[in-house]
């Protein structure tokens, strides 16, 4: 279960990894998770990756300014460049405002 995300900004990152440099990717992903969590306005993350390399990461931010500050963070920008050069075949980013959300848990 997660906190109510109504009004937060969701940055939806859909990526397709190429399988190169698995260790380097793992280290970079862990570093970015920790760095994002330390940013003002960070509200959480949900992430999943399929065996074929397709992944979806949704990061949540208090507002547009926080999401944009994360996009522009110098360390994040450097890792993004590394991702383009080494780890990803392609990716897309979609930014949306959360209008409502629901949880369900098996009883």
Protein backbone atom coordinates (compact mmCIF):
# COMPACT_ATOMS: atom_id res chain seq x y z
CA UNK A 1 0.00 0.00 0.00
CA UNK A 2 1.20 3.51 -0.68
CA UNK A 3 0.32 6.95 0.52
CA UNK A 4 -2.36 8.89 -1.30
CA UNK A 5 -0.61 10.23 -4.40
CA UNK A 6 -3.42 12.55 -5.51
CA UNK A 7 -1.96 15.76 -6.92
CA UNK A 8 1.58 14.40 -7.21
CA UNK A 9 3.51 14.41 -10.48
CA UNK A 10 4.29 10.95 -11.87
CA UNK A 11 7.29 10.59 -14.18
CA UNK A 12 6.81 7.35 -16.13
CA UNK A 13 10.05 5.98 -17.59
CA UNK A 14 9.60 3.03 -19.96
CA UNK A 15 12.94 1.61 -21.05
CA UNK A 16 14.33 -1.20 -23.16
CA UNK A 17 17.75 -2.39 -22.00
CA UNK A 18 20.21 -4.01 -24.37
CA UNK A 19 21.88 -6.30 -21.80
CA UNK A 20 25.27 -4.57 -21.92
CA UNK A 21 27.29 -3.91 -18.75
CA UNK A 22 24.83 -5.48 -16.31
CA UNK A 23 26.99 -4.72 -13.26
CA UNK A 24 27.54 -1.09 -14.24
CA UNK A 25 23.83 -0.67 -14.87
CA UNK A 26 22.94 -2.12 -11.48
CA UNK A 27 25.38 0.17 -9.71
CA UNK A 28 24.10 3.23 -11.58
CA UNK A 29 20.46 2.32 -10.91
CA UNK A 30 21.12 1.93 -7.18
CA UNK A 31 22.98 5.26 -7.10
CA UNK A 32 20.10 7.02 -8.90
CA UNK A 33 17.52 5.49 -6.54
CA UNK A 34 19.44 6.84 -3.54
CA UNK A 35 20.05 10.23 -5.15
CA UNK A 36 16.40 10.65 -6.18
CA UNK A 37 15.21 9.75 -2.67
CA UNK A 38 17.38 12.56 -1.25
CA UNK A 39 15.86 15.24 -3.52
CA UNK A 40 13.36 17.82 -2.26
CA UNK A 41 9.85 16.88 -3.34
CA UNK A 42 10.58 13.16 -3.86
CA UNK A 43 7.53 11.08 -2.93
CA UNK A 44 8.47 7.53 -3.95
CA UNK A 45 9.05 5.11 -6.78
CA UNK A 46 7.53 1.96 -8.27
CA UNK A 47 9.58 -0.13 -10.69
CA UNK A 48 9.46 -3.43 -12.58
CA UNK A 49 11.63 -5.07 -15.22
CA UNK A 50 10.88 -8.02 -17.50
CA UNK A 51 13.46 -10.68 -18.38
CA UNK A 52 13.53 -9.37 -21.97
CA UNK A 53 14.88 -5.98 -20.75
CA UNK A 54 11.69 -3.92 -20.86
CA UNK A 55 11.21 -1.91 -17.66
CA UNK A 56 8.82 0.63 -16.21
CA UNK A 57 9.82 3.01 -13.43
CA UNK A 58 7.37 5.55 -12.07
CA UNK A 59 8.83 8.20 -9.79
CA UNK A 60 6.51 10.47 -7.84
CA UNK A 61 7.17 14.12 -7.07
CA UNK A 62 5.39 16.77 -5.01
CA UNK A 63 5.06 19.12 -7.98
CA UNK A 64 6.38 20.02 -11.43
CA UNK A 65 9.30 22.01 -10.01
CA UNK A 66 10.57 18.97 -8.07
CA UNK A 67 10.25 16.69 -11.11
CA UNK A 68 12.06 19.20 -13.32
CA UNK A 69 14.81 19.68 -10.73
CA UNK A 70 15.34 15.89 -10.75
CA UNK A 71 15.47 15.84 -14.57
CA UNK A 72 18.07 18.62 -14.48
CA UNK A 73 20.19 17.28 -11.60
CA UNK A 74 23.81 17.06 -12.91
CA UNK A 75 24.45 13.52 -11.64
CA UNK A 76 21.15 12.32 -13.08
CA UNK A 77 21.98 13.96 -16.42
CA UNK A 78 25.38 12.23 -16.49
CA UNK A 79 23.82 8.81 -15.83
CA UNK A 80 21.15 9.51 -18.46
CA UNK A 81 23.95 10.11 -20.98
CA UNK A 82 25.60 6.84 -19.92
CA UNK A 83 22.29 5.05 -20.36
CA UNK A 84 21.95 6.32 -23.91
CA UNK A 85 25.53 5.36 -24.71
CA UNK A 86 25.61 1.93 -23.03
CA UNK A 87 22.47 0.43 -21.50
CA UNK A 88 19.34 1.35 -23.44
CA UNK A 89 18.15 0.62 -26.95
CA UNK A 90 15.33 3.11 -26.42
CA UNK A 91 13.16 4.71 -23.76
CA UNK A 92 10.24 7.07 -23.34
CA UNK A 93 9.29 9.47 -20.58
CA UNK A 94 5.73 10.55 -19.83
CA UNK A 95 4.85 13.09 -17.14
CA UNK A 96 1.37 13.08 -15.64
CA UNK A 97 -0.48 14.45 -12.64
CA UNK A 98 -2.10 11.84 -10.40
CA UNK A 99 -5.86 12.43 -10.22
CA UNK A 100 -6.69 9.45 -8.00
CA UNK A 101 -5.36 6.03 -7.09
CA UNK A 102 -6.55 2.75 -5.67
CA UNK A 103 -5.01 -0.16 -3.77
CA UNK A 104 -6.19 -3.72 -3.44
CA UNK A 105 -4.75 -6.44 -1.22
CA UNK A 106 -5.78 -10.08 -1.20
CA UNK A 107 -7.66 -10.77 2.04
